[in-house]
C-alpha atoms as a PDB file:
ATOM      1  CA  MET A   1     -89.947 112.616 -94.160  1.00  0.00           C
ATOM      2  CA  GLU A   2     -88.579 109.144 -94.056  1.00  0.00           C
ATOM      3  CA  TYR A   3     -88.686 108.959 -97.885  1.00  0.00           C
ATOM      4  CA  LEU A   4     -86.652 112.223 -98.040  1.00  0.00           C
ATOM      5  CA  VAL A   5     -83.805 110.706 -96.061  1.00  0.00           C
ATOM      6  CA  TYR A   6     -83.856 107.455 -98.500  1.00  0.00           C
ATOM      7  CA  TYR A   7     -83.830 109.912-101.415  1.00  0.00           C
ATOM      8  CA  PHE A   8     -80.774 111.741-100.102  1.00  0.00           C
ATOM      9  CA  VAL A   9     -78.836 108.613 -99.134  1.00  0.00           C
ATOM     10  CA  LEU A  10     -79.435 106.694-102.335  1.00  0.00           C
ATOM     11  CA  LEU A  11     -78.605 109.689-104.597  1.00  0.00           C
ATOM     12  CA  ASN A  12     -75.373 110.313-102.473  1.00  0.00           C
ATOM     13  CA  ILE A  13     -74.423 106.759-102.906  1.00  0.00           C
ATOM     14  CA  LEU A  14     -75.299 106.935-106.690  1.00  0.00           C
ATOM     15  CA  CYS A  15     -72.966 110.062-106.963  1.00  0.00           C
ATOM     16  CA  PHE A  16     -70.244 108.477-105.136  1.00  0.00           C
ATOM     17  CA  VAL A  17     -70.495 105.319-107.433  1.00  0.00           C
ATOM     18  CA  LEU A  18     -70.676 107.482-110.636  1.00  0.00           C
ATOM     19  CA  PHE A  19     -67.416 109.231-109.607  1.00  0.00           C
ATOM     20  CA  GLY A  20     -65.740 105.851-109.176  1.00  0.00           C
ATOM     21  CA  LEU A  21     -67.135 104.472-112.377  1.00  0.00           C
ATOM     22  CA  ASP A  22     -66.049 107.643-114.467  1.00  0.00           C
ATOM     23  CA  LYS A  23     -62.387 107.130-112.777  1.00  0.00           C
ATOM     24  CA  TRP A  24     -62.530 103.417-113.928  1.00  0.00           C
ATOM     25  CA  PHE A  25     -63.769 104.342-117.512  1.00  0.00           C
ATOM     26  CA  SER A  26     -61.093 107.020-117.667  1.00  0.00           C
ATOM     27  CA  LYS A  27     -58.252 104.718-116.868  1.00  0.00           C
ATOM     28  CA  ASN A  28     -59.521 101.997-119.106  1.00  0.00           C
ATOM     29  CA  LYS A  29     -60.227 104.326-122.102  1.00  0.00           C
ATOM     30  CA  LYS A  30     -64.044 103.549-121.928  1.00  0.00           C
ATOM     31  CA  ARG A  31     -66.774 105.925-122.768  1.00  0.00           C
ATOM     32  CA  ARG A  32     -67.137 108.446-119.861  1.00  0.00           C
ATOM     33  CA  VAL A  33     -69.812 109.703-117.538  1.00  0.00           C
ATOM     34  CA  ARG A  34     -71.017 113.026-118.792  1.00  0.00           C
ATOM     35  CA  ASN A  35     -70.053 116.202-116.816  1.00  0.00           C
ATOM     36  CA  ARG A  36     -73.580 117.151-117.142  1.00  0.00           C
ATOM     37  CA  THR A  37     -74.659 113.964-115.339  1.00  0.00           C
ATOM     38  CA  LEU A  38     -72.098 114.285-112.469  1.00  0.00           C
ATOM     39  CA  LEU A  39     -72.967 117.866-111.710  1.00  0.00           C
ATOM     40  CA  GLY A  40     -76.688 117.362-112.343  1.00  0.00           C
ATOM     41  CA  PHE A  41     -77.009 114.512-109.678  1.00  0.00           C
ATOM     42  CA  SER A  42     -74.710 116.843-107.215  1.00  0.00           C
ATOM     43  CA  ILE A  43     -77.274 119.601-107.789  1.00  0.00           C
ATOM     44  CA  LEU A  44     -80.172 117.297-107.085  1.00  0.00           C
ATOM     45  CA  GLY A  45     -78.807 116.438-103.690  1.00  0.00           C
ATOM     46  CA  GLY A  46     -75.742 114.221-104.054  1.00  0.00           C
ATOM     47  CA  SER A  47     -73.084 116.784-103.220  1.00  0.00           C
ATOM     48  CA  ILE A  48     -71.651 114.834-100.281  1.00  0.00           C
ATOM     49  CA  GLY A  49     -71.357 111.654-102.480  1.00  0.00           C
ATOM     50  CA  SER A  50     -69.602 113.706-104.977  1.00  0.00           C
ATOM     51  CA  LEU A  51     -67.213 115.342-102.703  1.00  0.00           C
ATOM     52  CA  PHE A  52     -66.367 111.810-101.130  1.00  0.00           C
ATOM     53  CA  GLY A  53     -66.081 110.507-104.707  1.00  0.00           C
ATOM     54  CA  MET A  54     -63.740 113.129-105.883  1.00  0.00           C
ATOM     55  CA  TYR A  55     -61.355 112.900-103.065  1.00  0.00           C
ATOM     56  CA  ILE A  56     -61.382 109.049-102.360  1.00  0.00           C
ATOM     57  CA  PHE A  57     -61.038 108.180-106.163  1.00  0.00           C
ATOM     58  CA  ARG A  58     -58.748 111.125-106.762  1.00  0.00           C
ATOM     59  CA  HIS A  59     -60.996 112.115-109.702  1.00  0.00           C
ATOM     60  CA  LYS A  60     -61.842 115.526-111.155  1.00  0.00           C
ATOM     61  CA  THR A  61     -59.714 117.207-108.392  1.00  0.00           C
ATOM     62  CA  GLN A  62     -57.933 119.286-110.978  1.00  0.00           C
ATOM     63  CA  THR A  63     -61.006 120.654-112.862  1.00  0.00           C
ATOM     64  CA  TRP A  64     -61.934 124.079-111.390  1.00  0.00           C
ATOM     65  CA  TYR A  65     -65.711 123.690-111.612  1.00  0.00           C
ATOM     66  CA  TYR A  66     -65.675 120.477-109.585  1.00  0.00           C
ATOM     67  CA  VAL A  67     -63.156 121.650-107.098  1.00  0.00           C
ATOM     68  CA  TYR A  68     -65.211 124.919-106.421  1.00  0.00           C
ATOM     69  CA  GLY A  69     -68.503 123.946-107.685  1.00  0.00           C
ATOM     70  CA  ILE A  70     -69.367 120.926-105.661  1.00  0.00           C
ATOM     71  CA  PRO A  71     -68.409 122.483-102.331  1.00  0.00           C
ATOM     72  CA  VAL A  72     -70.546 125.570-103.194  1.00  0.00           C
ATOM     73  CA  ILE A  73     -73.436 123.395-104.121  1.00  0.00           C
ATOM     74  CA  PHE A  74     -72.981 121.586-100.777  1.00  0.00           C
ATOM     75  CA  VAL A  75     -73.125 124.777 -98.958  1.00  0.00           C
ATOM     76  CA  ILE A  76     -76.150 125.944-100.685  1.00  0.00           C
ATOM     77  CA  GLN A  77     -77.843 122.763 -99.960  1.00  0.00           C
ATOM     78  CA  ILE A  78     -77.278 122.839 -96.373  1.00  0.00           C
END
């Protein structure tokens, strides 16, 4: 059970960081993090980190499948 907690904490931190990196890459015209990667880690258990990353970095908040998809993933995971 302890390892499961570590898994979810680390995965959510990773998702949060990925959203921040993708925002930074976007602003600096660098190669971006794939949508498949962002959504995939959210599905694997990082939906809370993704939600925080979206709204703290103000990134992907205009894309419908993030605005509706990440909260749906979060509800399903609960």
